[in-house]
Amino acid sequence: MEEINKFFNDKNQVRSDADIDRSQASEYLEAVKAFSRLTYQSLYVIDYQTRAFDYVSENPLFLCGKSSEEVKELGYAFYFQNVKPEDVELLIKINEAGFEFYENIPVHERKLYSISYDFSLINSKKNKVLVNHKLTPMFLTEEGQIWKALCIVSLSNNTSSGNVVVSREGSEAFWKYDVEANRWEKEEKIKLSQREYEILSLYASGLTINEISDKIFISADTVKFHRKKLFDKIGVNNIAEALAFAKTNKLL
C-alpha cells in the first residue's frame, strides 16, 4: 500500500468527505464503454477518492494478458507487476510534477488540460512494449481537485520512455517536462503549411509516396520536396519520427 500511495499526491488528495457534485458523473461509464467499443486503444478510469480504477476496457494492450476485471481489481498494484522498475520510478516522478503543474492552473480551466507520456509495459510473454499514456480530468471536486480521470493507452511511436507533454485544448502552447532538470518548459506548437499537413496526414493513413502524389495531383518529387521541408521544420530524419512527433505534439 505504501508503494501505491506514491502515485497519489497530497496536492490532489480527495478526502472521503470532499465536496463533490456527484450528479456530474451520472451514467458516465456508459459513454466510456461506448467509446471503448469504437477504438483500438485501451481505456481506463481512475477514481482519486477511492484510489482505484472505476473501469478498465477489454482492449488488450493495457491488460498484459490479464482480464479487464483482474486489472480493475489490482488498481495501481498493476503497475508494480507490469511496468519495469525504472519506469515505475519515472511514473511516480511524472505524477508529482504533473500535479505541481496542475495546481497552478485556474480551477475553471483544469478540464481543458491533458498530459501525455511514454513508458514500458511488460506483457504476458515477458516482452517490453513501449506505450503512450494520456490522462485528462473528467470530473472535479468543488475545490478543483481531480475526482475522476480518463486514461487512454496506445502503442508509442517513440523509442524510449518519458516524452512528457502537457497540452491545453484550444491553445497553441504546450509544456514539456525535462525529467533530469525537473522543470517544465513552455513551447509553441509548430505550424505546418496546408500541404505539409496534407502529406503528413496521408502518410499517417499508410499511403506511399506514389499514392500520395496521385491523391493530391502532384508529382512524387514534389511530395519528397514538401516532406524534406517538413523534416527540417520539426527536426526529424524520417517519416516514422515525423509521425511520432506529430502524435506527441498534436499536429494531426
C-alpha atoms as a PDB file:
ATOM      1  CA  MET A   1       0.000   0.000   0.000  1.00  0.00           C
ATOM      2  CA  GLU A   2       2.841   2.407   0.804  1.00  0.00           C
ATOM      3  CA  GLU A   3       4.301   1.971  -2.680  1.00  0.00           C
ATOM      4  CA  ILE A   4       0.897   2.520  -4.305  1.00  0.00           C
ATOM      5  CA  ASN A   5       0.405   5.728  -2.312  1.00  0.00           C
ATOM      6  CA  LYS A   6       3.431   7.189  -4.126  1.00  0.00           C
ATOM      7  CA  PHE A   7       1.131   7.591  -7.139  1.00  0.00           C
ATOM      8  CA  PHE A   8      -1.205   9.861  -5.167  1.00  0.00           C
ATOM      9  CA  ASN A   9      -0.142  13.410  -4.417  1.00  0.00           C
ATOM     10  CA  ASP A  10      -1.180  15.474  -1.398  1.00  0.00           C
ATOM     11  CA  LYS A  11      -1.968  18.306  -3.793  1.00  0.00           C
ATOM     12  CA  ASN A  12      -4.803  16.189  -5.210  1.00  0.00           C
ATOM     13  CA  GLN A  13      -5.937  14.415  -2.056  1.00  0.00           C
ATOM     14  CA  VAL A  14      -9.674  13.803  -2.424  1.00  0.00           C
ATOM     15  CA  ARG A  15     -10.929  13.118   1.082  1.00  0.00           C
ATOM     16  CA  SER A  16     -13.862  10.807   1.794  1.00  0.00           C
ATOM     17  CA  ASP A  17     -15.875  13.876   2.842  1.00  0.00           C
ATOM     18  CA  ALA A  18     -14.804  16.032  -0.134  1.00  0.00           C
ATOM     19  CA  ASP A  19     -17.428  18.376  -1.550  1.00  0.00           C
ATOM     20  CA  ILE A  20     -18.317  16.702  -4.851  1.00  0.00           C
ATOM     21  CA  ASP A  21     -21.243  17.304  -7.183  1.00  0.00           C
ATOM     22  CA  ARG A  22     -21.921  13.631  -7.842  1.00  0.00           C
ATOM     23  CA  SER A  23     -24.670  14.372 -10.355  1.00  0.00           C
ATOM     24  CA  GLN A  24     -21.947  15.226 -12.901  1.00  0.00           C
ATOM     25  CA  ALA A  25     -20.947  11.540 -13.052  1.00  0.00           C
ATOM     26  CA  SER A  26     -24.423  10.156 -13.670  1.00  0.00           C
ATOM     27  CA  GLU A  27     -24.278   7.328 -16.243  1.00  0.00           C
ATOM     28  CA  TYR A  28     -20.847   8.481 -17.445  1.00  0.00           C
ATOM     29  CA  LEU A  29     -19.461   4.948 -17.640  1.00  0.00           C
ATOM     30  CA  GLU A  30     -21.894   4.096 -20.406  1.00  0.00           C
ATOM     31  CA  ALA A  31     -20.283   6.792 -22.569  1.00  0.00           C
ATOM     32  CA  VAL A  32     -16.792   5.492 -21.759  1.00  0.00           C
ATOM     33  CA  LYS A  33     -17.827   1.934 -22.610  1.00  0.00           C
ATOM     34  CA  ALA A  34     -19.299   3.119 -25.920  1.00  0.00           C
ATOM     35  CA  PHE A  35     -16.043   4.905 -26.741  1.00  0.00           C
ATOM     36  CA  SER A  36     -14.037   1.749 -25.939  1.00  0.00           C
ATOM     37  CA  ARG A  37     -16.112  -0.196 -28.477  1.00  0.00           C
ATOM     38  CA  LEU A  38     -15.110   2.260 -31.202  1.00  0.00           C
ATOM     39  CA  THR A  39     -11.356   2.429 -30.630  1.00  0.00           C
ATOM     40  CA  TYR A  40      -8.406   0.042 -30.676  1.00  0.00           C
ATOM     41  CA  GLN A  41      -6.923   1.974 -27.746  1.00  0.00           C
ATOM     42  CA  SER A  42      -7.163   0.796 -24.152  1.00  0.00           C
ATOM     43  CA  LEU A  43      -9.228   2.944 -21.786  1.00  0.00           C
ATOM     44  CA  TYR A  44      -9.469   3.079 -18.050  1.00  0.00           C
ATOM     45  CA  VAL A  45     -10.865   5.472 -15.453  1.00  0.00           C
ATOM     46  CA  ILE A  46      -9.107   6.463 -12.214  1.00  0.00           C
ATOM     47  CA  ASP A  47     -11.087   7.469  -9.118  1.00  0.00           C
ATOM     48  CA  TYR A  48      -8.744   9.593  -6.984  1.00  0.00           C
ATOM     49  CA  GLN A  49     -11.046   9.425  -3.988  1.00  0.00           C
ATOM     50  CA  THR A  50     -11.074   5.623  -3.746  1.00  0.00           C
ATOM     51  CA  ARG A  51      -7.573   5.374  -5.278  1.00  0.00           C
ATOM     52  CA  ALA A  52      -8.864   2.663  -7.571  1.00  0.00           C
ATOM     53  CA  PHE A  53      -9.890   2.052 -11.180  1.00  0.00           C
ATOM     54  CA  ASP A  54     -13.589   2.621 -11.894  1.00  0.00           C
ATOM     55  CA  TYR A  55     -13.409   0.937 -15.276  1.00  0.00           C
ATOM     56  CA  VAL A  56     -10.912  -0.918 -17.481  1.00  0.00           C
ATOM     57  CA  SER A  57     -11.749  -1.661 -21.102  1.00  0.00           C
ATOM     58  CA  GLU A  58     -11.292  -5.077 -22.677  1.00  0.00           C
ATOM     59  CA  ASN A  59      -8.950  -3.703 -25.331  1.00  0.00           C
ATOM     60  CA  PRO A  60      -5.911  -5.961 -24.768  1.00  0.00           C
ATOM     61  CA  LEU A  61      -2.856  -3.656 -24.981  1.00  0.00           C
ATOM     62  CA  PHE A  62      -3.017  -2.409 -21.388  1.00  0.00           C
ATOM     63  CA  LEU A  63      -4.086  -5.744 -19.874  1.00  0.00           C
ATOM     64  CA  CYS A  64      -0.755  -7.606 -20.237  1.00  0.00           C
ATOM     65  CA  GLY A  65      -2.548 -10.949 -20.533  1.00  0.00           C
ATOM     66  CA  LYS A  66      -4.948 -10.307 -17.658  1.00  0.00           C
ATOM     67  CA  SER A  67      -8.692  -9.807 -17.892  1.00  0.00           C
ATOM     68  CA  SER A  68     -10.099  -6.288 -17.574  1.00  0.00           C
ATOM     69  CA  GLU A  69     -11.691  -7.280 -14.258  1.00  0.00           C
ATOM     70  CA  GLU A  70      -8.336  -8.524 -12.937  1.00  0.00           C
ATOM     71  CA  VAL A  71      -6.656  -5.226 -13.836  1.00  0.00           C
ATOM     72  CA  LYS A  72      -9.559  -3.269 -12.333  1.00  0.00           C
ATOM     73  CA  GLU A  73      -9.232  -5.262  -9.122  1.00  0.00           C
ATOM     74  CA  LEU A  74      -5.470  -4.709  -8.965  1.00  0.00           C
ATOM     75  CA  GLY A  75      -5.733  -0.972  -9.497  1.00  0.00           C
ATOM     76  CA  TYR A  76      -2.369   0.730  -9.063  1.00  0.00           C
ATOM     77  CA  ALA A  77      -0.787  -2.531  -7.927  1.00  0.00           C
ATOM     78  CA  PHE A  78      -0.975  -3.444 -11.635  1.00  0.00           C
ATOM     79  CA  TYR A  79       1.862  -1.011 -12.350  1.00  0.00           C
ATOM     80  CA  PHE A  80       4.224  -2.686  -9.902  1.00  0.00           C
ATOM     81  CA  GLN A  81       3.538  -6.036 -11.573  1.00  0.00           C
ATOM     82  CA  ASN A  82       3.636  -4.965 -15.214  1.00  0.00           C
ATOM     83  CA  VAL A  83       5.917  -1.933 -15.535  1.00  0.00           C
ATOM     84  CA  LYS A  84       9.705  -2.222 -15.401  1.00  0.00           C
ATOM     85  CA  PRO A  85      11.028  -0.807 -12.076  1.00  0.00           C
ATOM     86  CA  GLU A  86      12.879   2.173 -13.550  1.00  0.00           C
ATOM     87  CA  ASP A  87       9.712   3.213 -15.368  1.00  0.00           C
ATOM     88  CA  VAL A  88       7.666   2.891 -12.169  1.00  0.00           C
ATOM     89  CA  GLU A  89      10.018   5.462 -10.630  1.00  0.00           C
ATOM     90  CA  LEU A  90       9.610   7.610 -13.737  1.00  0.00           C
ATOM     91  CA  LEU A  91       5.813   7.422 -13.459  1.00  0.00           C
ATOM     92  CA  ILE A  92       5.936   8.483  -9.819  1.00  0.00           C
ATOM     93  CA  LYS A  93       8.116  11.463 -10.765  1.00  0.00           C
ATOM     94  CA  ILE A  94       5.805  12.416 -13.635  1.00  0.00           C
ATOM     95  CA  ASN A  95       2.826  12.124 -11.301  1.00  0.00           C
ATOM     96  CA  GLU A  96       4.399  14.520  -8.791  1.00  0.00           C
ATOM     97  CA  ALA A  97       5.477  17.017 -11.457  1.00  0.00           C
ATOM     98  CA  GLY A  98       2.076  16.817 -13.152  1.00  0.00           C
ATOM     99  CA  PHE A  99       0.145  17.683 -10.015  1.00  0.00           C
ATOM    100  CA  GLU A 100       2.529  20.540  -9.216  1.00  0.00           C
ATOM    101  CA  PHE A 101       1.839  21.891 -12.713  1.00  0.00           C
ATOM    102  CA  TYR A 102      -1.895  21.328 -12.327  1.00  0.00           C
ATOM    103  CA  GLU A 103      -2.028  23.205  -9.018  1.00  0.00           C
ATOM    104  CA  ASN A 104      -1.124  26.430 -10.836  1.00  0.00           C
ATOM    105  CA  ILE A 105      -3.968  26.163 -13.373  1.00  0.00           C
ATOM    106  CA  PRO A 106      -7.147  28.165 -12.630  1.00  0.00           C
ATOM    107  CA  VAL A 107      -9.873  25.768 -11.451  1.00  0.00           C
ATOM    108  CA  HIS A 108     -12.284  26.692 -14.256  1.00  0.00           C
ATOM    109  CA  GLU A 109      -9.647  25.727 -16.881  1.00  0.00           C
ATOM    110  CA  ARG A 110      -8.439  22.438 -15.413  1.00  0.00           C
ATOM    111  CA  LYS A 111     -10.616  20.163 -17.525  1.00  0.00           C
ATOM    112  CA  LEU A 112      -9.024  21.618 -20.665  1.00  0.00           C
ATOM    113  CA  TYR A 113      -5.602  20.143 -19.910  1.00  0.00           C
ATOM    114  CA  SER A 114      -4.184  16.692 -20.651  1.00  0.00           C
ATOM    115  CA  ILE A 115      -0.835  15.016 -20.055  1.00  0.00           C
ATOM    116  CA  SER A 116       0.919  12.514 -22.320  1.00  0.00           C
ATOM    117  CA  TYR A 117       3.967  10.328 -21.643  1.00  0.00           C
ATOM    118  CA  ASP A 118       5.576   7.022 -22.617  1.00  0.00           C
ATOM    119  CA  PHE A 119       6.595   4.010 -20.529  1.00  0.00           C
ATOM    120  CA  SER A 120       7.190   0.292 -20.995  1.00  0.00           C
ATOM    121  CA  LEU A 121       4.690  -2.400 -20.083  1.00  0.00           C
ATOM    122  CA  ILE A 122       5.803  -5.992 -19.593  1.00  0.00           C
ATOM    123  CA  ASN A 123       3.288  -8.133 -21.480  1.00  0.00           C
ATOM    124  CA  SER A 124       2.187 -11.708 -20.827  1.00  0.00           C
ATOM    125  CA  LYS A 125       5.153 -13.018 -22.844  1.00  0.00           C
ATOM    126  CA  LYS A 126       7.576 -11.018 -20.658  1.00  0.00           C
ATOM    127  CA  ASN A 127       8.357  -8.694 -23.555  1.00  0.00           C
ATOM    128  CA  LYS A 128       8.612  -4.943 -23.047  1.00  0.00           C
ATOM    129  CA  VAL A 129       6.156  -2.842 -25.044  1.00  0.00           C
ATOM    130  CA  LEU A 130       6.550   0.934 -25.150  1.00  0.00           C
ATOM    131  CA  VAL A 131       3.151   2.570 -24.772  1.00  0.00           C
ATOM    132  CA  ASN A 132       1.843   6.102 -24.807  1.00  0.00           C
ATOM    133  CA  HIS A 133      -0.376   7.082 -21.910  1.00  0.00           C
ATOM    134  CA  LYS A 134      -2.704  10.081 -21.965  1.00  0.00           C
ATOM    135  CA  LEU A 135      -4.693  11.362 -18.987  1.00  0.00           C
ATOM    136  CA  THR A 136      -7.288  14.110 -18.736  1.00  0.00           C
ATOM    137  CA  PRO A 137      -9.669  15.120 -15.928  1.00  0.00           C
ATOM    138  CA  MET A 138     -13.309  14.084 -16.281  1.00  0.00           C
ATOM    139  CA  PHE A 139     -14.819  15.335 -13.011  1.00  0.00           C
ATOM    140  CA  LEU A 140     -13.517  17.694 -10.345  1.00  0.00           C
ATOM    141  CA  THR A 141     -14.315  18.325  -6.704  1.00  0.00           C
ATOM    142  CA  GLU A 142     -15.760  21.724  -5.808  1.00  0.00           C
ATOM    143  CA  GLU A 143     -12.214  22.767  -4.812  1.00  0.00           C
ATOM    144  CA  GLY A 144     -10.847  21.803  -8.230  1.00  0.00           C
ATOM    145  CA  GLN A 145      -9.111  18.535  -7.397  1.00  0.00           C
ATOM    146  CA  ILE A 146      -9.366  15.718  -9.916  1.00  0.00           C
ATOM    147  CA  TRP A 147     -12.046  13.302  -8.777  1.00  0.00           C
ATOM    148  CA  LYS A 148     -12.086  11.034 -11.844  1.00  0.00           C
ATOM    149  CA  ALA A 149      -9.746  10.961 -14.843  1.00  0.00           C
ATOM    150  CA  LEU A 150      -9.908   9.207 -18.207  1.00  0.00           C
ATOM    151  CA  CYS A 151      -6.749   7.438 -19.402  1.00  0.00           C
ATOM    152  CA  ILE A 152      -6.027   6.229 -22.938  1.00  0.00           C
ATOM    153  CA  VAL A 153      -3.206   3.794 -23.719  1.00  0.00           C
ATOM    154  CA  SER A 154      -1.861   3.098 -27.214  1.00  0.00           C
ATOM    155  CA  LEU A 155       1.407   1.949 -28.788  1.00  0.00           C
ATOM    156  CA  SER A 156       4.053   4.660 -28.698  1.00  0.00           C
ATOM    157  CA  ASN A 157       5.798   5.860 -31.841  1.00  0.00           C
ATOM    158  CA  ASN A 158       8.819   6.927 -29.776  1.00  0.00           C
ATOM    159  CA  THR A 159      11.823   4.773 -28.901  1.00  0.00           C
ATOM    160  CA  SER A 160      12.262   5.461 -25.181  1.00  0.00           C
ATOM    161  CA  SER A 161      10.286   6.236 -22.038  1.00  0.00           C
ATOM    162  CA  GLY A 162       9.473   9.786 -20.961  1.00  0.00           C
ATOM    163  CA  ASN A 163       8.427  12.316 -23.630  1.00  0.00           C
ATOM    164  CA  VAL A 164       6.196  14.104 -21.120  1.00  0.00           C
ATOM    165  CA  VAL A 165       3.930  16.773 -22.615  1.00  0.00           C
ATOM    166  CA  VAL A 166       1.069  18.792 -21.156  1.00  0.00           C
ATOM    167  CA  SER A 167      -1.293  20.407 -23.639  1.00  0.00           C
ATOM    168  CA  ARG A 168      -4.336  22.651 -23.361  1.00  0.00           C
ATOM    169  CA  GLU A 169      -7.381  22.391 -25.587  1.00  0.00           C
ATOM    170  CA  GLY A 170      -7.572  25.350 -27.963  1.00  0.00           C
ATOM    171  CA  SER A 171      -4.047  26.595 -27.195  1.00  0.00           C
ATOM    172  CA  GLU A 172      -1.024  26.824 -29.478  1.00  0.00           C
ATOM    173  CA  ALA A 173       1.228  26.388 -26.429  1.00  0.00           C
ATOM    174  CA  PHE A 174       2.315  23.161 -24.778  1.00  0.00           C
ATOM    175  CA  TRP A 175       4.690  22.285 -21.958  1.00  0.00           C
ATOM    176  CA  LYS A 176       7.454  19.672 -21.998  1.00  0.00           C
ATOM    177  CA  TYR A 177       8.820  18.219 -18.792  1.00  0.00           C
ATOM    178  CA  ASP A 178      12.594  17.906 -18.503  1.00  0.00           C
ATOM    179  CA  VAL A 179      12.933  14.865 -16.233  1.00  0.00           C
ATOM    180  CA  GLU A 180      16.623  15.419 -15.447  1.00  0.00           C
ATOM    181  CA  ALA A 181      16.266  19.135 -14.639  1.00  0.00           C
ATOM    182  CA  ASN A 182      12.840  18.630 -13.018  1.00  0.00           C
ATOM    183  CA  ARG A 183      11.276  21.604 -14.777  1.00  0.00           C
ATOM    184  CA  TRP A 184       8.565  22.433 -17.295  1.00  0.00           C
ATOM    185  CA  GLU A 185       9.469  24.266 -20.487  1.00  0.00           C
ATOM    186  CA  LYS A 186       6.794  26.122 -22.435  1.00  0.00           C
ATOM    187  CA  GLU A 187       6.888  25.861 -26.216  1.00  0.00           C
ATOM    188  CA  GLU A 188       4.677  26.890 -29.105  1.00  0.00           C
ATOM    189  CA  LYS A 189       3.211  24.337 -31.469  1.00  0.00           C
ATOM    190  CA  ILE A 190       4.936  24.208 -34.821  1.00  0.00           C
ATOM    191  CA  LYS A 191       2.597  25.356 -37.565  1.00  0.00           C
ATOM    192  CA  LEU A 192       2.539  23.210 -40.674  1.00  0.00           C
ATOM    193  CA  SER A 193       1.664  24.524 -44.086  1.00  0.00           C
ATOM    194  CA  GLN A 194      -1.528  23.157 -45.604  1.00  0.00           C
ATOM    195  CA  ARG A 195       0.498  20.963 -47.958  1.00  0.00           C
ATOM    196  CA  GLU A 196       2.746  19.662 -45.153  1.00  0.00           C
ATOM    197  CA  TYR A 197      -0.301  18.824 -43.054  1.00  0.00           C
ATOM    198  CA  GLU A 198      -1.956  17.118 -46.013  1.00  0.00           C
ATOM    199  CA  ILE A 199       1.092  14.969 -46.820  1.00  0.00           C
ATOM    200  CA  LEU A 200       1.681  14.036 -43.173  1.00  0.00           C
ATOM    201  CA  SER A 201      -1.970  13.045 -42.780  1.00  0.00           C
ATOM    202  CA  LEU A 202      -1.797  10.829 -45.848  1.00  0.00           C
ATOM    203  CA  TYR A 203       1.386   9.189 -44.581  1.00  0.00           C
ATOM    204  CA  ALA A 204      -0.423   8.558 -41.297  1.00  0.00           C
ATOM    205  CA  SER A 205      -3.127   6.808 -43.310  1.00  0.00           C
ATOM    206  CA  GLY A 206      -0.495   4.401 -44.666  1.00  0.00           C
ATOM    207  CA  LEU A 207      -0.147   5.762 -48.203  1.00  0.00           C
ATOM    208  CA  THR A 208       3.115   5.570 -50.146  1.00  0.00           C
ATOM    209  CA  ILE A 209       4.790   8.489 -51.926  1.00  0.00           C
ATOM    210  CA  ASN A 210       3.279   7.489 -55.282  1.00  0.00           C
ATOM    211  CA  GLU A 211      -0.169   7.012 -53.764  1.00  0.00           C
ATOM    212  CA  ILE A 212       0.054  10.435 -52.112  1.00  0.00           C
ATOM    213  CA  SER A 213       1.117  12.080 -55.363  1.00  0.00           C
ATOM    214  CA  ASP A 214      -1.845  10.514 -57.168  1.00  0.00           C
ATOM    215  CA  LYS A 215      -4.207  11.512 -54.378  1.00  0.00           C
ATOM    216  CA  ILE A 216      -3.326  15.212 -54.345  1.00  0.00           C
ATOM    217  CA  PHE A 217      -2.342  15.560 -58.035  1.00  0.00           C
ATOM    218  CA  ILE A 218       1.327  16.467 -57.627  1.00  0.00           C
ATOM    219  CA  SER A 219       4.486  14.624 -58.669  1.00  0.00           C
ATOM    220  CA  ALA A 220       6.318  12.196 -56.394  1.00  0.00           C
ATOM    221  CA  ASP A 221       9.315  14.571 -56.444  1.00  0.00           C
ATOM    222  CA  THR A 222       7.087  17.385 -55.160  1.00  0.00           C
ATOM    223  CA  VAL A 223       5.875  15.134 -52.343  1.00  0.00           C
ATOM    224  CA  LYS A 224       9.522  14.470 -51.453  1.00  0.00           C
ATOM    225  CA  PHE A 225      10.260  18.209 -51.552  1.00  0.00           C
ATOM    226  CA  HIS A 226       7.484  19.013 -49.067  1.00  0.00           C
ATOM    227  CA  ARG A 227       8.445  16.024 -46.941  1.00  0.00           C
ATOM    228  CA  LYS A 228      12.033  17.308 -46.696  1.00  0.00           C
ATOM    229  CA  LYS A 229      10.790  20.768 -45.680  1.00  0.00           C
ATOM    230  CA  LEU A 230       8.622  19.128 -43.030  1.00  0.00           C
ATOM    231  CA  PHE A 231      11.529  17.067 -41.657  1.00  0.00           C
ATOM    232  CA  ASP A 232      13.708  20.196 -41.420  1.00  0.00           C
ATOM    233  CA  LYS A 233      10.940  22.172 -39.715  1.00  0.00           C
ATOM    234  CA  ILE A 234      10.298  19.682 -36.921  1.00  0.00           C
ATOM    235  CA  GLY A 235      13.854  18.344 -36.649  1.00  0.00           C
ATOM    236  CA  VAL A 236      13.392  14.688 -37.599  1.00  0.00           C
ATOM    237  CA  ASN A 237      15.121  12.326 -40.030  1.00  0.00           C
ATOM    238  CA  ASN A 238      12.369  10.085 -41.379  1.00  0.00           C
ATOM    239  CA  ILE A 239       8.615   9.685 -41.653  1.00  0.00           C
ATOM    240  CA  ALA A 240       8.362   7.402 -38.601  1.00  0.00           C
ATOM    241  CA  GLU A 241       9.957  10.109 -36.454  1.00  0.00           C
ATOM    242  CA  ALA A 242       7.724  12.732 -38.081  1.00  0.00           C
ATOM    243  CA  LEU A 243       4.580  10.758 -37.241  1.00  0.00           C
ATOM    244  CA  ALA A 244       5.763  10.217 -33.666  1.00  0.00           C
ATOM    245  CA  PHE A 245       6.450  13.943 -33.322  1.00  0.00           C
ATOM    246  CA  ALA A 246       3.060  14.794 -34.802  1.00  0.00           C
ATOM    247  CA  LYS A 247       1.281  12.459 -32.381  1.00  0.00           C
ATOM    248  CA  THR A 248       3.111  13.719 -29.298  1.00  0.00           C
ATOM    249  CA  ASN A 249       2.655  17.375 -30.241  1.00  0.00           C
ATOM    250  CA  LYS A 250      -0.885  17.018 -31.571  1.00  0.00           C
ATOM    251  CA  LEU A 251      -0.113  18.242 -35.069  1.00  0.00           C
ATOM    252  CA  LEU A 252      -2.630  15.823 -36.566  1.00  0.00           C
END
